[in-house]
Each structure stands twice: as C-alpha cells, then as structure tokens.
Amino acid sequence: MPVSAMIAPMQTIISVSELSKTYPSGFQALKGINLDIRRGEIFALLGPNGAGKTTLIGIICGIVKASAGTVRVDGHDIIADYRAARSLIGLVPQELTTDAFESVWATVSFSRGLFGKRANPDYIEKILRDLSLWDKKDNKIITLSGGMKRRLLIAKALSHEPEILFLDEPTAGVDVNLRRDMWQLVRALKATGVTILLTTHYIDEAEEMADRIGVISKGEIILVEEKRELMRQLGKKQLTLHLQTPLERIPSTLGAYRLDLSSDGSELTYTYDAQGERSGIVALLKDLNEAAIVFKDLHTTQSSLEEIFVSLVKDAK
C-alpha cells in the first residue's frame, strides 16, 4: 500500500463560508470570508488592528451575528444548532471581564456548569494547577494581578473540556514567564487533540507555535498557508560577503546582481528568492573572482515571518 494511502486526510472541524459582517454604521468588518480549520491544528490568524480578527472569532463563537454566510463547527451550524456548536468551543477573549467578587474556584466551576457538564473537582484542580492558579483558588478575582486574571480566563475557557480553543490576543500585556507558561499549555492541549485558533501581535509566537497561518487585512483573508511553505515561498534570503579589501563602489560588471555595499565598503549583500536556484550564487561568486574581489567570510540569513507579514499587508493595501 502506498504511503499516501496510509495517511488519513486532515478533517475540517470549523468551516466558514462566504461570511460577511456589516455594522449598522455601514462599516464592513468582514467581506466574504472562506476558511477551513483542521482538527487538531494550531492555526494563527494574523492581521493589523481593525482587520476583522476579533469579529471573525466572535461570529464563529456565536456571540456576534453575521450579515451573511454560514459557520459550521464539527458539522453543527452555529445558528441552527447553537448549543451543540458552542459546547465544543472554549473562548479566551481579549478583555479581562469576569465577576470580581467570586473566588477563582467558584467562577471556573460555574463556567463548567453553564455548559451542562457535571461537577468534576479533580478536573478543575488539574486546570488550576496547570495554570499556576491552585494556590489562588480561594482568592476573590478582584485581588488577582492582571497576569493571574489572564490565566483565569484560560481556566474558564477550558472548564467544560472543549475540543476547540480560541485565544484572542492571549498574551497581550503579560510578562515573559506567563507567555512561556501559556505556550507550554497550548502545546500540551494540542498533544491531547484540542484544535487551537489564536490571534496574536507577537509574530514570533505564531512562527514558533503555528501549523498554519492565515493573514487577514481590511476584512478579507489574503492568505492561508502552511507555515513552512509560507516561509519557503515568500521568504527572502540574503548572502552577505565579508570582503578582504573594502570597496569604494560596486563594479559595473556586477550590476545585474543588484548588490548592496555597506557604508564602510567591507560587506556586499546579495538578496535572492528563497525558492530560487542556487545558480545565481554560483554565477555571482564566479563574477566576483573575475573582478578580483576577494572575500574572507560569508553567511546567509532568511527573512522572518514578521517581515513576510508586513510585506503581505502592505501589498494588500
């Protein structure tokens, strides 16, 4: 049996079709969004402020009404079969809104009950321990720090054992230790089969964590791609040559390579397509030799996801 036949296709757990949202003011937040989220993946949705990320999440979670289009969660229509669809979802919103005078234990337990789940103290304890909240379980929410309140929102979202977790800017304004703890938790959840969709301003997190990346700009999805493929297709590579003897100017015979010369004349930089052929580098080195330009060292770098994201959004304007 061929290997391809042995690998099961990725199942779609969220299907968004021709989704649009226009607010009473006339502002069109979403324009004909089509998006499929695969079961068990970490999907990062990137976009500038006002791009439509939070509106899209709100519609999928059933808390914002779409103007047109459909959303299905594991086959359940988010409107016609709201309770079944919503029970599969845990949402960690941007805003720190929760009952200030409840205890941590009570509010997480109450959130579980809202979804019709039987009490399970052992599970609640595990969540609170995983999020370093166990020693705060009897504290009133009003006494918690901002970082602890952020952890509490995650605990509430996980209280009913959802199959899908939405994280809307989950690490905005939190310290480095909490960010690290959260991403460790995200990895652990993925390992148990939970599907995770996150929005983030920290592109390094998407680069490290995501399986696939979507970019939204002005209410439209402009790209959805496997992270590795995105880096391969759109990343630019640079070859930097450290010269034996500084140059005053780049010889005209090397003009076709569009080289950049450092201000002190000691480095030449050649920028090329990450998926391009290596023949360009071979030809460059040959022409450098013929021009009697000797280099003592060289190294290559590749553009980051942040640079790719900025260029994509710029091109979409």
Protein backbone atom coordinates (compact mmCIF):
# COMPACT_ATOMS: atom_id res chain seq x y z
CA MET A 1 0.00 0.00 0.00
CA PRO A 2 1.48 3.40 -0.91
CA VAL A 3 2.37 5.72 1.97
CA SER A 4 -0.08 8.36 0.74
CA ALA A 5 -2.95 5.89 1.09
CA MET A 6 -1.99 5.16 4.69
CA ILE A 7 -2.15 8.82 5.74
CA ALA A 8 -5.68 9.93 6.62
CA PRO A 9 -6.69 13.32 5.24
CA MET A 10 -6.95 16.18 7.74
CA GLN A 11 -10.54 16.59 8.92
CA THR A 12 -12.15 20.02 8.92
CA ILE A 13 -13.57 20.94 12.33
CA ILE A 14 -14.57 24.56 11.54
CA SER A 15 -15.91 25.58 8.15
CA VAL A 16 -16.56 29.26 7.37
CA SER A 17 -18.33 30.01 4.08
CA GLU A 18 -18.92 33.42 2.42
CA LEU A 19 -19.02 35.12 5.81
CA SER A 20 -19.65 38.87 5.88
CA LYS A 21 -20.37 41.38 8.61
CA THR A 22 -21.56 44.95 8.16
CA TYR A 23 -22.29 47.01 11.28
CA PRO A 24 -25.23 49.47 11.50
CA SER A 25 -22.78 52.33 10.95
CA GLY A 26 -22.11 50.91 7.48
CA PHE A 27 -18.62 49.67 8.33
CA GLN A 28 -17.94 46.33 6.64
CA ALA A 29 -15.77 44.37 9.07
CA LEU A 30 -15.71 41.09 7.10
CA LYS A 31 -16.04 40.54 3.35
CA GLY A 32 -16.88 37.07 2.03
CA ILE A 33 -14.58 35.06 4.34
CA ASN A 34 -13.95 31.42 3.40
CA LEU A 35 -11.85 29.47 5.88
CA ASP A 36 -11.47 25.85 7.00
CA ILE A 37 -9.73 24.96 10.28
CA ARG A 38 -8.36 21.44 10.55
CA ARG A 39 -8.97 19.22 13.55
CA GLY A 40 -6.01 19.16 15.93
CA GLU A 41 -4.01 22.00 14.37
CA ILE A 42 -2.74 25.28 15.77
CA PHE A 43 -3.94 27.99 13.39
CA ALA A 44 -2.59 31.52 13.82
CA LEU A 45 -4.66 34.39 12.44
CA LEU A 46 -2.53 37.48 11.89
CA GLY A 47 -3.63 40.95 10.92
CA PRO A 48 -3.28 44.61 11.90
CA ASN A 49 -5.66 46.28 14.34
CA GLY A 50 -9.12 46.61 12.81
CA ALA A 51 -8.51 43.85 10.27
CA GLY A 52 -11.51 41.81 11.47
CA LYS A 53 -9.83 39.15 13.65
CA THR A 54 -11.99 39.63 16.75
CA THR A 55 -15.19 39.99 14.68
CA LEU A 56 -14.46 36.69 12.93
CA ILE A 57 -13.84 34.89 16.22
CA GLY A 58 -17.00 36.43 17.70
CA ILE A 59 -19.13 35.12 14.84
CA ILE A 60 -17.65 31.62 14.97
CA CYS A 61 -18.26 31.53 18.73
CA GLY A 62 -21.87 32.66 18.27
CA ILE A 63 -21.59 35.97 20.12
CA VAL A 64 -21.65 38.26 17.06
CA LYS A 65 -24.33 37.93 14.37
CA ALA A 66 -23.10 37.65 10.79
CA SER A 67 -24.69 39.68 7.99
CA ALA A 68 -24.29 36.81 5.52
CA GLY A 69 -22.65 33.40 5.22
CA THR A 70 -22.50 30.27 7.32
CA VAL A 71 -20.31 28.75 10.04
CA ARG A 72 -20.28 25.06 10.92
CA VAL A 73 -18.44 23.65 13.93
CA ASP A 74 -17.84 19.91 13.65
CA GLY A 75 -20.87 19.77 11.35
CA HIS A 76 -23.13 21.87 13.60
CA ASP A 77 -24.49 25.15 12.25
CA ILE A 78 -23.54 27.90 14.71
CA ILE A 79 -27.05 29.40 14.50
CA ALA A 80 -29.43 26.48 13.86
CA ASP A 81 -27.59 24.20 16.31
CA TYR A 82 -26.03 26.80 18.58
CA ARG A 83 -25.87 24.78 21.81
CA ALA A 84 -24.10 21.79 20.24
CA ALA A 85 -21.67 24.01 18.31
CA ARG A 86 -20.87 26.31 21.23
CA SER A 87 -20.31 23.41 23.65
CA LEU A 88 -17.31 22.38 21.55
CA ILE A 89 -15.65 25.79 21.90
CA GLY A 90 -13.64 27.44 24.65
CA LEU A 91 -13.03 31.17 24.20
CA VAL A 92 -10.34 33.28 25.84
CA PRO A 93 -11.32 36.87 24.97
CA GLN A 94 -9.07 39.93 24.92
CA GLU A 95 -11.00 41.73 27.63
CA LEU A 96 -10.49 40.83 31.28
CA THR A 97 -14.20 40.66 32.15
CA THR A 98 -15.29 38.40 34.99
CA ASP A 99 -17.14 38.58 38.32
CA ALA A 100 -14.73 40.48 40.56
CA PHE A 101 -16.12 39.20 43.88
CA GLU A 102 -16.30 35.48 43.09
CA SER A 103 -13.50 33.13 44.08
CA VAL A 104 -11.31 31.53 41.45
CA TRP A 105 -12.65 28.06 42.22
CA ALA A 106 -16.29 29.18 42.13
CA THR A 107 -16.08 31.04 38.82
CA VAL A 108 -14.28 28.20 36.99
CA SER A 109 -16.71 25.63 38.40
CA PHE A 110 -19.66 27.84 37.41
CA SER A 111 -18.34 28.15 33.86
CA ARG A 112 -18.29 24.36 33.60
CA GLY A 113 -21.88 24.17 34.80
CA LEU A 114 -23.03 26.67 32.18
CA PHE A 115 -22.32 24.04 29.52
CA GLY A 116 -24.30 21.37 31.33
CA LYS A 117 -21.23 19.47 32.49
CA ARG A 118 -21.36 17.51 35.73
CA ALA A 119 -19.16 18.73 38.57
CA ASN A 120 -15.62 17.36 38.33
CA PRO A 121 -13.41 18.79 41.10
CA ASP A 122 -10.42 16.72 40.00
CA TYR A 123 -10.51 18.23 36.52
CA ILE A 124 -10.92 21.79 37.84
CA GLU A 125 -7.98 21.20 40.16
CA LYS A 126 -5.84 19.99 37.25
CA ILE A 127 -6.63 23.10 35.19
CA LEU A 128 -5.82 25.42 38.08
CA ARG A 129 -2.56 23.61 38.81
CA ASP A 130 -1.56 23.66 35.11
CA LEU A 131 -2.12 27.42 35.06
CA SER A 132 -0.37 28.06 38.40
CA LEU A 133 -3.66 29.16 39.98
CA TRP A 134 -4.10 26.43 42.55
CA ASP A 135 -2.73 28.49 45.45
CA LYS A 136 -5.18 31.26 44.46
CA LYS A 137 -8.24 29.01 44.26
CA ASP A 138 -9.97 30.65 47.26
CA ASN A 139 -8.97 34.22 46.37
CA LYS A 140 -11.52 36.69 45.10
CA ILE A 141 -10.90 37.66 41.49
CA ILE A 142 -10.59 41.34 42.39
CA THR A 143 -7.39 40.55 44.31
CA LEU A 144 -5.62 38.92 41.35
CA SER A 145 -2.94 40.56 39.24
CA GLY A 146 -3.55 41.19 35.53
CA GLY A 147 -1.47 38.14 34.62
CA MET A 148 -3.41 35.93 37.03
CA LYS A 149 -6.71 37.19 35.62
CA ARG A 150 -5.47 36.24 32.15
CA ARG A 151 -4.71 32.72 33.42
CA LEU A 152 -8.20 32.62 34.96
CA LEU A 153 -9.80 33.39 31.58
CA ILE A 154 -7.99 30.39 30.12
CA ALA A 155 -9.11 28.20 33.03
CA LYS A 156 -12.73 29.26 32.45
CA ALA A 157 -12.43 28.54 28.72
CA LEU A 158 -11.11 25.05 29.45
CA SER A 159 -13.58 24.28 32.24
CA HIS A 160 -16.04 22.36 30.04
CA GLU A 161 -13.34 20.32 28.22
CA PRO A 162 -13.78 21.93 24.77
CA GLU A 163 -12.44 20.39 21.56
CA ILE A 164 -11.61 23.83 20.15
CA LEU A 165 -9.88 26.68 21.97
CA PHE A 166 -9.92 30.27 20.71
CA LEU A 167 -7.20 32.52 22.07
CA ASP A 168 -7.79 36.16 21.13
CA GLU A 169 -4.53 38.03 21.84
CA PRO A 170 -3.94 35.78 24.90
CA THR A 171 -0.52 37.14 25.84
CA ALA A 172 -1.12 40.85 25.24
CA GLY A 173 0.35 42.78 28.14
CA VAL A 174 1.52 39.79 30.17
CA ASP A 175 5.01 39.05 31.42
CA VAL A 176 7.54 36.73 29.80
CA ASN A 177 7.01 33.93 32.34
CA LEU A 178 3.27 33.87 31.76
CA ARG A 179 3.77 33.83 27.99
CA ARG A 180 6.07 30.84 28.37
CA ASP A 181 3.58 29.03 30.63
CA MET A 182 0.74 29.69 28.22
CA TRP A 183 2.57 28.31 25.23
CA GLN A 184 3.62 25.25 27.19
CA LEU A 185 -0.06 24.72 27.96
CA VAL A 186 -1.02 25.24 24.29
CA ARG A 187 1.45 22.56 23.23
CA ALA A 188 0.06 20.17 25.85
CA LEU A 189 -3.51 20.82 24.69
CA LYS A 190 -2.59 20.22 21.06
CA ALA A 191 -0.99 16.93 22.11
CA THR A 192 -4.37 15.83 23.50
CA GLY A 193 -6.11 16.65 20.21
CA VAL A 194 -7.50 20.12 21.00
CA THR A 195 -7.76 22.42 17.98
CA ILE A 196 -6.39 25.89 18.70
CA LEU A 197 -7.03 29.12 16.83
CA LEU A 198 -5.14 32.14 18.06
CA THR A 199 -4.75 35.76 17.13
CA THR A 200 -1.58 37.46 18.22
CA HIS A 201 0.51 40.58 17.75
CA TYR A 202 3.60 38.62 18.73
CA ILE A 203 4.55 37.20 15.35
CA ASP A 204 7.43 35.25 16.90
CA GLU A 205 4.78 33.20 18.73
CA ALA A 206 3.00 32.35 15.50
CA GLU A 207 6.32 31.48 13.89
CA GLU A 208 7.17 29.13 16.75
CA MET A 209 3.78 27.60 17.50
CA ALA A 210 1.50 27.55 14.45
CA ASP A 211 0.99 24.74 11.95
CA ARG A 212 -0.78 27.06 9.52
CA ILE A 213 -1.04 30.81 9.25
CA GLY A 214 -3.83 32.99 7.90
CA VAL A 215 -3.44 36.70 7.20
CA ILE A 216 -6.47 38.98 7.31
CA SER A 217 -6.47 42.59 6.15
CA LYS A 218 -9.40 45.00 5.85
CA GLY A 219 -11.90 42.21 6.45
CA GLU A 220 -10.53 39.84 3.81
CA ILE A 221 -8.41 36.71 4.11
CA ILE A 222 -5.46 37.44 1.85
CA LEU A 223 -3.51 34.25 2.51
CA VAL A 224 -3.78 30.86 4.23
CA GLU A 225 -0.70 28.68 4.11
CA GLU A 226 1.31 26.04 5.93
CA LYS A 227 3.85 27.93 7.98
CA ARG A 228 6.84 26.15 6.48
CA GLU A 229 5.54 26.60 2.96
CA LEU A 230 4.87 30.28 3.61
CA MET A 231 8.43 30.76 4.79
CA ARG A 232 9.71 28.86 1.76
CA GLN A 233 7.61 30.69 -0.81
CA LEU A 234 7.77 34.24 0.48
CA GLY A 235 10.97 34.38 2.49
CA LYS A 236 13.87 36.28 1.02
CA LYS A 237 17.40 35.06 1.59
CA GLN A 238 20.46 37.24 1.84
CA LEU A 239 24.05 36.27 1.20
CA THR A 240 26.48 38.60 2.96
CA LEU A 241 30.11 38.58 1.85
CA HIS A 242 32.77 39.99 4.17
CA LEU A 243 35.44 41.41 1.88
CA GLN A 244 39.19 41.05 2.25
CA THR A 245 39.69 44.60 1.00
CA PRO A 246 36.99 47.29 1.22
CA LEU A 247 35.45 48.59 -2.00
CA GLU A 248 34.73 52.20 -2.88
CA ARG A 249 31.99 51.22 -5.30
CA ILE A 250 30.42 48.13 -6.89
CA PRO A 251 31.94 47.37 -10.32
CA SER A 252 29.55 47.84 -13.25
CA THR A 253 30.15 44.20 -14.26
CA LEU A 254 28.21 43.16 -11.14
CA GLY A 255 25.27 45.48 -11.76
CA ALA A 256 22.86 42.68 -12.70
CA TYR A 257 23.01 41.26 -9.15
CA ARG A 258 21.71 44.45 -7.51
CA LEU A 259 24.22 44.14 -4.70
CA ASP A 260 24.24 46.41 -1.65
CA LEU A 261 27.57 47.76 -0.40
CA SER A 262 27.91 48.62 3.28
CA SER A 263 28.80 52.20 4.20
CA ASP A 264 32.38 51.24 5.06
CA GLY A 265 32.75 49.17 1.89
CA SER A 266 33.59 45.99 3.80
CA GLU A 267 30.43 43.96 3.04
CA LEU A 268 28.45 43.05 -0.06
CA THR A 269 24.89 41.78 0.32
CA TYR A 270 23.06 39.76 -2.33
CA THR A 271 19.28 39.33 -1.88
CA TYR A 272 17.60 36.46 -3.70
CA ASP A 273 14.43 34.41 -3.73
CA ALA A 274 14.38 31.66 -1.08
CA GLN A 275 12.97 29.20 -3.62
CA GLY A 276 15.24 30.37 -6.41
CA GLU A 277 18.01 28.31 -7.89
CA ARG A 278 21.49 28.30 -6.45
CA SER A 279 22.88 29.06 -9.91
CA GLY A 280 22.63 32.78 -9.14
CA ILE A 281 25.03 32.43 -6.21
CA VAL A 282 27.42 30.29 -8.24
CA ALA A 283 27.46 32.89 -11.03
CA LEU A 284 27.96 35.71 -8.53
CA LEU A 285 30.94 34.03 -6.92
CA LYS A 286 32.43 33.40 -10.36
CA ASP A 287 31.98 37.03 -11.38
CA LEU A 288 33.43 38.24 -8.07
CA ASN A 289 36.52 36.16 -8.76
CA GLU A 290 36.85 37.61 -12.26
CA ALA A 291 36.54 41.12 -10.80
CA ALA A 292 39.38 40.28 -8.36
CA ILE A 293 37.11 40.83 -5.35
CA VAL A 294 38.21 38.52 -2.55
CA PHE A 295 36.00 37.73 0.44
CA LYS A 296 37.18 36.28 3.73
CA ASP A 297 33.83 35.00 5.01
CA LEU A 298 30.16 34.71 4.03
CA HIS A 299 26.86 33.85 5.68
CA THR A 300 23.19 33.63 4.72
CA THR A 301 20.06 34.83 6.52
CA GLN A 302 16.37 34.39 5.73
CA SER A 303 13.57 36.87 6.28
CA SER A 304 11.42 36.33 9.35
CA LEU A 305 7.69 35.73 9.43
CA GLU A 306 7.28 39.30 10.66
CA GLU A 307 8.93 40.68 7.54
CA ILE A 308 6.74 38.43 5.36
CA PHE A 309 3.61 39.56 7.23
CA VAL A 310 4.44 43.24 6.86
CA SER A 311 5.06 42.84 3.14
CA LEU A 312 1.79 40.90 2.64
CA VAL A 313 -0.32 43.52 4.42
CA LYS A 314 1.47 46.31 2.56
CA ASP A 315 0.77 44.61 -0.78
CA ALA A 316 -2.92 44.19 0.18
CA LYS A 317 -3.44 47.93 0.73
